[in-house]
């Protein structure tokens, strides 16, 4: 697939109201969601972490790992996440802690390079399934969940 086709198809998808997009079969929605990620800036992504335990000072040490496969080599780099907000949410009889992160701008060049290699068929796809807040110690995160609305219109 060429970069022009990817960009044009994604632009056409974005022009449709969300109500129309939601009527398409799920596999079509997933294709366009992936296309939106491929054509976006990583600095536009938002990652939310919801945990039952407060992270404290560790909330400022979050990072992500972006990676792609080139030939037999896995190209991976870590980038810091910027903590945008944190708040406690009362849910039934429990308190949950929600942390909102943005990806640091230094990740954009790596992502753009990976996408160019992908579009020129010199690398396999970016590994989106591993995009999540990581910490040096995950002790406070056992059993917790991650919500990642990369885009507001796509939901969690």
N, C-alpha and C. Protein backbone atom coordinates (compact mmCIF):
# COMPACT_ATOMS: atom_id res chain seq x y z
N UNK A 1 0.84 -1.16 0.00
CA UNK A 1 0.00 0.00 0.00
C UNK A 1 0.89 1.23 0.00
N UNK A 2 0.53 2.22 -0.79
CA UNK A 2 1.33 3.43 -0.84
C UNK A 2 0.91 4.39 0.27
N UNK A 3 1.81 5.29 0.58
CA UNK A 3 1.52 6.28 1.61
C UNK A 3 0.35 7.17 1.20
N UNK A 4 0.27 7.52 -0.08
CA UNK A 4 -0.81 8.38 -0.57
C UNK A 4 -2.16 7.68 -0.40
N UNK A 5 -2.22 6.40 -0.73
CA UNK A 5 -3.47 5.64 -0.57
C UNK A 5 -3.88 5.58 0.90
N UNK A 6 -2.92 5.33 1.76
CA UNK A 6 -3.19 5.26 3.19
C UNK A 6 -3.72 6.59 3.71
N UNK A 7 -3.08 7.67 3.35
CA UNK A 7 -3.48 9.00 3.83
C UNK A 7 -4.86 9.37 3.27
N UNK A 8 -5.07 9.14 1.97
CA UNK A 8 -6.36 9.49 1.34
C UNK A 8 -7.50 8.67 1.93
N UNK A 9 -7.28 7.37 2.10
CA UNK A 9 -8.32 6.52 2.68
C UNK A 9 -8.66 6.92 4.10
N UNK A 10 -7.64 7.26 4.87
CA UNK A 10 -7.87 7.68 6.26
C UNK A 10 -8.62 9.01 6.31
N UNK A 11 -8.25 9.93 5.43
CA UNK A 11 -8.94 11.23 5.39
C UNK A 11 -10.42 11.04 5.07
N UNK A 12 -10.73 10.17 4.10
CA UNK A 12 -12.13 9.89 3.77
C UNK A 12 -12.89 9.29 4.93
N UNK A 13 -12.24 8.41 5.66
CA UNK A 13 -12.85 7.79 6.84
C UNK A 13 -13.15 8.84 7.90
N UNK A 14 -12.20 9.74 8.15
CA UNK A 14 -12.37 10.75 9.19
C UNK A 14 -13.49 11.74 8.87
N UNK A 15 -13.77 11.93 7.59
CA UNK A 15 -14.83 12.86 7.19
C UNK A 15 -16.22 12.35 7.53
N UNK A 16 -16.35 11.06 7.68
CA UNK A 16 -17.66 10.48 8.00
C UNK A 16 -18.00 10.70 9.47
N UNK A 17 -19.25 10.99 9.76
CA UNK A 17 -19.65 11.12 11.17
C UNK A 17 -19.42 9.80 11.92
N UNK A 18 -19.15 9.91 13.21
CA UNK A 18 -18.89 8.72 14.03
C UNK A 18 -20.07 7.75 13.96
N UNK A 19 -21.29 8.28 13.92
CA UNK A 19 -22.47 7.40 13.85
C UNK A 19 -22.43 6.54 12.58
N UNK A 20 -21.96 7.09 11.48
CA UNK A 20 -21.85 6.32 10.23
C UNK A 20 -20.73 5.29 10.36
N UNK A 21 -19.58 5.71 10.90
CA UNK A 21 -18.44 4.79 11.05
C UNK A 21 -18.81 3.59 11.91
N UNK A 22 -19.63 3.82 12.93
CA UNK A 22 -20.02 2.74 13.83
C UNK A 22 -20.94 1.72 13.19
N UNK A 23 -21.52 2.02 12.03
CA UNK A 23 -22.40 1.07 11.34
C UNK A 23 -21.62 0.07 10.50
N UNK A 24 -20.35 0.34 10.24
CA UNK A 24 -19.53 -0.58 9.46
C UNK A 24 -19.22 -1.83 10.27
N UNK A 25 -18.97 -2.95 9.60
CA UNK A 25 -18.55 -4.16 10.34
C UNK A 25 -17.28 -3.89 11.16
N UNK A 26 -17.11 -4.64 12.23
CA UNK A 26 -15.99 -4.41 13.13
C UNK A 26 -14.64 -4.50 12.43
N UNK A 27 -14.49 -5.45 11.50
CA UNK A 27 -13.17 -5.59 10.85
C UNK A 27 -12.83 -4.35 10.03
N UNK A 28 -13.82 -3.70 9.43
CA UNK A 28 -13.59 -2.46 8.68
C UNK A 28 -13.18 -1.35 9.65
N UNK A 29 -13.86 -1.26 10.78
CA UNK A 29 -13.51 -0.25 11.77
C UNK A 29 -12.07 -0.44 12.26
N UNK A 30 -11.66 -1.69 12.45
CA UNK A 30 -10.30 -1.96 12.91
C UNK A 30 -9.27 -1.56 11.86
N UNK A 31 -9.57 -1.80 10.60
CA UNK A 31 -8.65 -1.41 9.52
C UNK A 31 -8.44 0.10 9.54
N UNK A 32 -9.52 0.86 9.66
CA UNK A 32 -9.39 2.31 9.64
C UNK A 32 -8.82 2.85 10.94
N UNK A 33 -9.08 2.19 12.05
CA UNK A 33 -8.45 2.59 13.30
C UNK A 33 -6.93 2.46 13.17
N UNK A 34 -6.48 1.35 12.62
CA UNK A 34 -5.05 1.15 12.41
C UNK A 34 -4.50 2.19 11.44
N UNK A 35 -5.25 2.49 10.40
CA UNK A 35 -4.81 3.51 9.44
C UNK A 35 -4.69 4.88 10.12
N UNK A 36 -5.62 5.19 11.01
CA UNK A 36 -5.52 6.46 11.75
C UNK A 36 -4.26 6.49 12.60
N UNK A 37 -3.94 5.38 13.23
CA UNK A 37 -2.71 5.33 14.02
C UNK A 37 -1.48 5.52 13.13
N UNK A 38 -1.48 4.85 11.99
CA UNK A 38 -0.34 4.93 11.08
C UNK A 38 -0.11 6.34 10.56
N UNK A 39 -1.17 7.11 10.40
CA UNK A 39 -1.04 8.45 9.81
C UNK A 39 -1.04 9.55 10.86
N UNK A 40 -1.05 9.18 12.13
CA UNK A 40 -1.10 10.18 13.20
C UNK A 40 0.30 10.50 13.71
N UNK A 41 0.35 11.51 14.54
CA UNK A 41 1.57 11.80 15.29
C UNK A 41 1.44 11.08 16.63
N UNK A 42 2.50 10.46 17.08
CA UNK A 42 2.43 9.76 18.36
C UNK A 42 2.19 10.74 19.50
N UNK A 43 2.53 12.01 19.30
CA UNK A 43 2.31 13.01 20.34
C UNK A 43 0.82 13.34 20.50
N UNK A 44 -0.03 12.88 19.59
CA UNK A 44 -1.48 13.06 19.71
C UNK A 44 -2.13 11.92 20.50
N UNK A 45 -1.42 10.85 20.71
CA UNK A 45 -1.99 9.70 21.40
C UNK A 45 -2.17 10.02 22.88
N UNK A 46 -3.20 9.43 23.47
CA UNK A 46 -3.43 9.52 24.91
C UNK A 46 -3.52 8.10 25.46
N UNK A 47 -2.82 7.85 26.54
CA UNK A 47 -2.88 6.56 27.19
C UNK A 47 -3.38 6.77 28.61
N UNK A 48 -4.37 5.99 29.00
CA UNK A 48 -4.92 6.07 30.35
C UNK A 48 -4.62 4.78 31.09
N UNK A 49 -4.17 4.93 32.30
CA UNK A 49 -3.94 3.78 33.16
C UNK A 49 -4.90 3.90 34.34
N UNK A 50 -5.69 2.88 34.58
CA UNK A 50 -6.60 2.85 35.73
C UNK A 50 -6.11 1.76 36.66
N UNK A 51 -5.86 2.13 37.90
CA UNK A 51 -5.28 1.20 38.86
C UNK A 51 -6.02 1.27 40.20
N UNK A 52 -5.96 0.20 40.94
CA UNK A 52 -6.58 0.19 42.27
C UNK A 52 -5.63 0.74 43.32
N UNK A 53 -4.37 0.87 42.98
CA UNK A 53 -3.37 1.39 43.91
C UNK A 53 -2.79 2.69 43.36
N UNK A 54 -2.64 3.71 44.20
CA UNK A 54 -2.00 4.94 43.71
C UNK A 54 -0.54 4.67 43.36
N UNK A 55 -0.06 5.31 42.30
CA UNK A 55 1.31 5.09 41.86
C UNK A 55 2.32 5.97 42.60
N UNK A 56 1.85 7.06 43.17
CA UNK A 56 2.76 7.96 43.87
C UNK A 56 3.80 8.54 42.92
N UNK A 57 5.03 8.61 43.37
CA UNK A 57 6.12 9.19 42.57
C UNK A 57 6.39 8.39 41.30
N UNK A 58 6.05 7.10 41.31
CA UNK A 58 6.29 6.26 40.13
C UNK A 58 5.48 6.73 38.92
N UNK A 59 4.40 7.47 39.15
CA UNK A 59 3.57 7.93 38.03
C UNK A 59 4.35 8.83 37.08
N UNK A 60 5.43 9.43 37.56
CA UNK A 60 6.25 10.33 36.73
C UNK A 60 7.39 9.59 36.02
N UNK A 61 7.46 8.27 36.19
CA UNK A 61 8.56 7.51 35.57
C UNK A 61 8.07 6.61 34.44
N UNK A 62 6.86 6.82 33.97
CA UNK A 62 6.29 5.95 32.93
C UNK A 62 7.00 6.16 31.59
N UNK A 63 7.06 5.09 30.82
CA UNK A 63 7.63 5.15 29.48
C UNK A 63 6.91 4.14 28.59
N UNK A 64 7.10 4.26 27.29
CA UNK A 64 6.58 3.26 26.35
C UNK A 64 7.75 2.72 25.54
N UNK A 65 7.51 1.58 24.94
CA UNK A 65 8.48 1.02 24.02
C UNK A 65 7.81 0.90 22.66
N UNK A 66 8.41 1.54 21.66
CA UNK A 66 7.95 1.41 20.28
C UNK A 66 8.91 0.46 19.58
N UNK A 67 8.37 -0.39 18.71
CA UNK A 67 9.24 -1.34 18.02
C UNK A 67 8.63 -1.74 16.68
N UNK A 68 9.52 -2.17 15.80
CA UNK A 68 9.12 -2.75 14.53
C UNK A 68 10.18 -3.77 14.12
N UNK A 69 9.80 -4.65 13.22
CA UNK A 69 10.68 -5.72 12.77
C UNK A 69 11.30 -5.33 11.43
N UNK A 70 12.60 -5.40 11.32
CA UNK A 70 13.30 -5.14 10.07
C UNK A 70 14.20 -6.33 9.79
N UNK A 71 13.89 -7.05 8.72
CA UNK A 71 14.54 -8.33 8.44
C UNK A 71 14.38 -9.23 9.65
N UNK A 72 15.47 -9.70 10.22
CA UNK A 72 15.38 -10.56 11.41
C UNK A 72 15.64 -9.79 12.70
N UNK A 73 15.77 -8.48 12.59
CA UNK A 73 16.13 -7.67 13.74
C UNK A 73 14.92 -6.90 14.27
N UNK A 74 14.72 -6.94 15.58
CA UNK A 74 13.69 -6.15 16.24
C UNK A 74 14.32 -4.81 16.60
N UNK A 75 13.78 -3.74 16.05
CA UNK A 75 14.25 -2.39 16.34
C UNK A 75 13.31 -1.83 17.41
N UNK A 76 13.84 -1.54 18.59
CA UNK A 76 13.01 -1.08 19.69
C UNK A 76 13.71 0.06 20.43
N UNK A 77 12.91 1.02 20.86
CA UNK A 77 13.43 2.12 21.68
C UNK A 77 12.39 2.50 22.71
N UNK A 78 12.86 2.98 23.82
CA UNK A 78 11.98 3.43 24.89
C UNK A 78 11.89 4.96 24.86
N UNK A 79 10.67 5.46 25.17
CA UNK A 79 10.43 6.89 25.19
C UNK A 79 9.62 7.25 26.42
N UNK A 80 9.92 8.40 27.03
CA UNK A 80 9.18 8.78 28.24
C UNK A 80 7.73 9.16 27.91
N UNK A 81 6.87 8.93 28.89
CA UNK A 81 5.49 9.40 28.82
C UNK A 81 5.38 10.62 29.72
N UNK A 82 4.56 11.56 29.29
CA UNK A 82 4.35 12.78 30.06
C UNK A 82 3.02 12.63 30.80
N UNK A 83 3.07 12.76 32.11
CA UNK A 83 1.86 12.68 32.92
C UNK A 83 1.06 13.97 32.74
N UNK A 84 -0.15 13.84 32.21
CA UNK A 84 -1.01 15.00 31.97
C UNK A 84 -1.93 15.24 33.16
N UNK A 85 -2.50 14.17 33.68
CA UNK A 85 -3.40 14.33 34.84
C UNK A 85 -3.48 13.02 35.61
N UNK A 86 -3.88 13.16 36.84
CA UNK A 86 -4.17 11.99 37.68
C UNK A 86 -5.32 12.36 38.60
N UNK A 87 -6.22 11.43 38.80
CA UNK A 87 -7.34 11.68 39.71
C UNK A 87 -7.87 10.37 40.27
N UNK A 88 -8.52 10.50 41.41
CA UNK A 88 -9.16 9.37 42.06
C UNK A 88 -10.62 9.35 41.64
N UNK A 89 -11.14 8.16 41.37
CA UNK A 89 -12.52 7.99 40.92
C UNK A 89 -13.20 7.02 41.88
N UNK A 90 -14.33 7.43 42.44
CA UNK A 90 -15.10 6.54 43.30
C UNK A 90 -16.00 5.67 42.43
N UNK A 91 -15.82 4.36 42.51
CA UNK A 91 -16.62 3.41 41.75
C UNK A 91 -17.20 2.40 42.73
N UNK A 92 -18.53 2.43 42.86
CA UNK A 92 -19.21 1.59 43.84
C UNK A 92 -18.57 1.81 45.21
N UNK A 93 -17.97 0.79 45.78
CA UNK A 93 -17.37 0.95 47.11
C UNK A 93 -15.85 0.98 47.06
N UNK A 94 -15.31 1.22 45.87
CA UNK A 94 -13.85 1.23 45.72
C UNK A 94 -13.40 2.59 45.17
N UNK A 95 -12.12 2.83 45.28
CA UNK A 95 -11.51 4.02 44.71
C UNK A 95 -10.50 3.56 43.67
N UNK A 96 -10.63 4.10 42.46
CA UNK A 96 -9.68 3.81 41.39
C UNK A 96 -8.87 5.06 41.11
N UNK A 97 -7.66 4.85 40.63
CA UNK A 97 -6.77 5.96 40.32
C UNK A 97 -6.52 5.96 38.82
N UNK A 98 -6.81 7.09 38.20
CA UNK A 98 -6.70 7.20 36.74
C UNK A 98 -5.58 8.16 36.38
N UNK A 99 -4.68 7.69 35.52
CA UNK A 99 -3.53 8.47 35.09
C UNK A 99 -3.61 8.65 33.57
N UNK A 100 -3.48 9.89 33.12
CA UNK A 100 -3.53 10.20 31.69
C UNK A 100 -2.13 10.61 31.25
N UNK A 101 -1.66 9.96 30.17
CA UNK A 101 -0.31 10.21 29.65
C UNK A 101 -0.36 10.61 28.18
N UNK A 102 0.64 11.38 27.78
CA UNK A 102 0.89 11.68 26.37
C UNK A 102 2.31 11.18 26.07
N UNK A 103 2.54 10.87 24.82
CA UNK A 103 3.86 10.38 24.40
C UNK A 103 4.78 11.59 24.16
N UNK A 104 6.00 11.49 24.64
CA UNK A 104 6.98 12.57 24.48
C UNK A 104 7.31 12.77 23.00
N UNK A 105 7.56 14.01 22.63
CA UNK A 105 7.80 14.35 21.21
C UNK A 105 9.02 13.65 20.60
N UNK A 106 9.97 13.22 21.41
CA UNK A 106 11.15 12.56 20.86
C UNK A 106 10.82 11.21 20.21
N UNK A 107 9.62 10.67 20.49
CA UNK A 107 9.21 9.40 19.89
C UNK A 107 8.74 9.57 18.44
N UNK A 108 8.39 10.80 18.06
CA UNK A 108 7.82 11.02 16.73
C UNK A 108 8.77 10.63 15.60
N UNK A 109 10.03 10.99 15.69
CA UNK A 109 10.99 10.68 14.63
C UNK A 109 11.15 9.17 14.46
N UNK A 110 11.24 8.43 15.56
CA UNK A 110 11.38 6.98 15.49
C UNK A 110 10.15 6.36 14.83
N UNK A 111 8.96 6.82 15.25
CA UNK A 111 7.72 6.31 14.69
C UNK A 111 7.63 6.62 13.20
N UNK A 112 7.95 7.85 12.82
CA UNK A 112 7.89 8.25 11.41
C UNK A 112 8.87 7.42 10.57
N UNK A 113 10.06 7.19 11.09
CA UNK A 113 11.04 6.36 10.37
C UNK A 113 10.51 4.94 10.20
N UNK A 114 9.94 4.38 11.27
CA UNK A 114 9.38 3.04 11.20
C UNK A 114 8.26 2.94 10.20
N UNK A 115 7.41 3.96 10.14
CA UNK A 115 6.30 3.95 9.19
C UNK A 115 6.79 4.08 7.76
N UNK A 116 7.81 4.90 7.53
CA UNK A 116 8.37 5.01 6.17
C UNK A 116 8.96 3.68 5.72
N UNK A 117 9.67 3.01 6.61
CA UNK A 117 10.21 1.70 6.29
C UNK A 117 9.09 0.69 6.02
N UNK A 118 8.04 0.78 6.80
CA UNK A 118 6.89 -0.12 6.61
C UNK A 118 6.22 0.12 5.26
N UNK A 119 5.99 1.38 4.93
CA UNK A 119 5.32 1.69 3.67
C UNK A 119 6.17 1.35 2.45
N UNK A 120 7.48 1.36 2.62
CA UNK A 120 8.37 0.97 1.53
C UNK A 120 8.69 -0.52 1.56
N UNK A 121 7.99 -1.25 2.42
CA UNK A 121 8.11 -2.70 2.56
C UNK A 121 9.51 -3.15 2.99
N UNK A 122 10.21 -2.29 3.71
CA UNK A 122 11.52 -2.65 4.23
C UNK A 122 11.47 -3.00 5.71
N UNK A 123 10.28 -2.94 6.29
CA UNK A 123 10.09 -3.32 7.70
C UNK A 123 8.68 -3.82 7.87
N UNK A 124 8.52 -4.70 8.86
CA UNK A 124 7.18 -5.16 9.20
C UNK A 124 6.53 -4.09 10.08
N UNK A 125 5.28 -4.28 10.34
CA UNK A 125 4.48 -3.25 11.01
C UNK A 125 4.97 -2.86 12.40
N UNK A 126 4.63 -1.65 12.80
CA UNK A 126 4.86 -1.21 14.17
C UNK A 126 4.03 -2.11 15.08
N UNK A 127 4.57 -2.47 16.20
CA UNK A 127 3.88 -3.40 17.12
C UNK A 127 3.02 -2.61 18.09
N UNK A 128 1.78 -2.30 17.69
CA UNK A 128 0.87 -1.51 18.52
C UNK A 128 0.39 -2.27 19.75
N UNK A 129 0.37 -3.59 19.70
CA UNK A 129 -0.15 -4.34 20.84
C UNK A 129 0.71 -4.20 22.08
N UNK A 130 1.89 -3.65 21.95
CA UNK A 130 2.76 -3.48 23.11
C UNK A 130 2.82 -2.04 23.60
N UNK A 131 1.99 -1.17 23.04
CA UNK A 131 2.01 0.23 23.46
C UNK A 131 1.19 0.35 24.74
N UNK A 132 1.90 0.56 25.84
CA UNK A 132 1.27 0.70 27.14
C UNK A 132 2.26 1.37 28.08
N UNK A 133 1.76 2.03 29.12
CA UNK A 133 2.70 2.61 30.08
C UNK A 133 3.49 1.50 30.77
N UNK A 134 4.78 1.67 30.81
CA UNK A 134 5.68 0.74 31.50
C UNK A 134 6.39 1.50 32.61
N UNK A 135 6.81 0.76 33.62
CA UNK A 135 7.51 1.35 34.76
C UNK A 135 8.67 0.45 35.13
N UNK A 136 9.66 1.02 35.78
CA UNK A 136 10.79 0.22 36.24
C UNK A 136 10.30 -0.90 37.14
N UNK A 137 9.35 -0.58 38.01
CA UNK A 137 8.76 -1.58 38.89
C UNK A 137 7.25 -1.57 38.67
N UNK A 138 6.69 -2.73 38.36
CA UNK A 138 5.25 -2.84 38.15
C UNK A 138 4.54 -3.37 39.39
N UNK A 139 5.14 -3.22 40.53
CA UNK A 139 4.60 -3.77 41.78
C UNK A 139 3.18 -3.27 42.07
N UNK A 140 2.92 -1.99 41.86
CA UNK A 140 1.59 -1.42 42.16
C UNK A 140 0.56 -1.73 41.09
N UNK A 141 0.94 -2.35 40.00
CA UNK A 141 0.03 -2.52 38.86
C UNK A 141 -0.54 -3.92 38.73
N UNK A 142 -0.22 -4.82 39.60
CA UNK A 142 -0.71 -6.19 39.48
C UNK A 142 -2.23 -6.22 39.47
N UNK A 143 -2.80 -6.86 38.46
CA UNK A 143 -4.25 -7.01 38.37
C UNK A 143 -4.99 -5.78 37.90
N UNK A 144 -4.30 -4.75 37.45
CA UNK A 144 -4.95 -3.53 37.01
C UNK A 144 -5.15 -3.55 35.50
N UNK A 145 -5.89 -2.56 35.01
CA UNK A 145 -6.19 -2.54 33.59
C UNK A 145 -5.71 -1.26 32.94
N UNK A 146 -5.58 -1.35 31.65
CA UNK A 146 -5.10 -0.23 30.85
C UNK A 146 -6.19 0.16 29.88
N UNK A 147 -6.51 1.45 29.83
CA UNK A 147 -7.45 1.97 28.84
C UNK A 147 -6.68 2.91 27.94
N UNK A 148 -6.77 2.67 26.63
CA UNK A 148 -5.99 3.48 25.71
C UNK A 148 -6.87 4.07 24.61
N UNK A 149 -7.46 5.24 24.84
CA UNK A 149 -8.16 5.87 23.74
C UNK A 149 -7.16 6.70 22.94
N UNK A 150 -6.56 6.10 21.94
CA UNK A 150 -5.58 6.83 21.15
C UNK A 150 -6.22 8.09 20.58
N UNK A 151 -7.49 7.96 20.19
CA UNK A 151 -8.22 9.10 19.67
C UNK A 151 -9.55 9.17 20.39
N UNK A 152 -10.01 10.39 20.64
CA UNK A 152 -11.27 10.57 21.35
C UNK A 152 -12.42 9.88 20.65
N UNK A 153 -12.47 9.91 19.32
CA UNK A 153 -13.61 9.34 18.58
C UNK A 153 -13.60 7.82 18.59
N UNK A 154 -12.46 7.18 18.89
CA UNK A 154 -12.39 5.73 18.82
C UNK A 154 -12.77 5.06 20.13
N UNK A 155 -12.78 5.80 21.24
CA UNK A 155 -13.13 5.19 22.51
C UNK A 155 -11.97 4.38 23.06
N UNK A 156 -12.27 3.58 24.09
CA UNK A 156 -11.20 2.80 24.72
C UNK A 156 -10.86 1.58 23.90
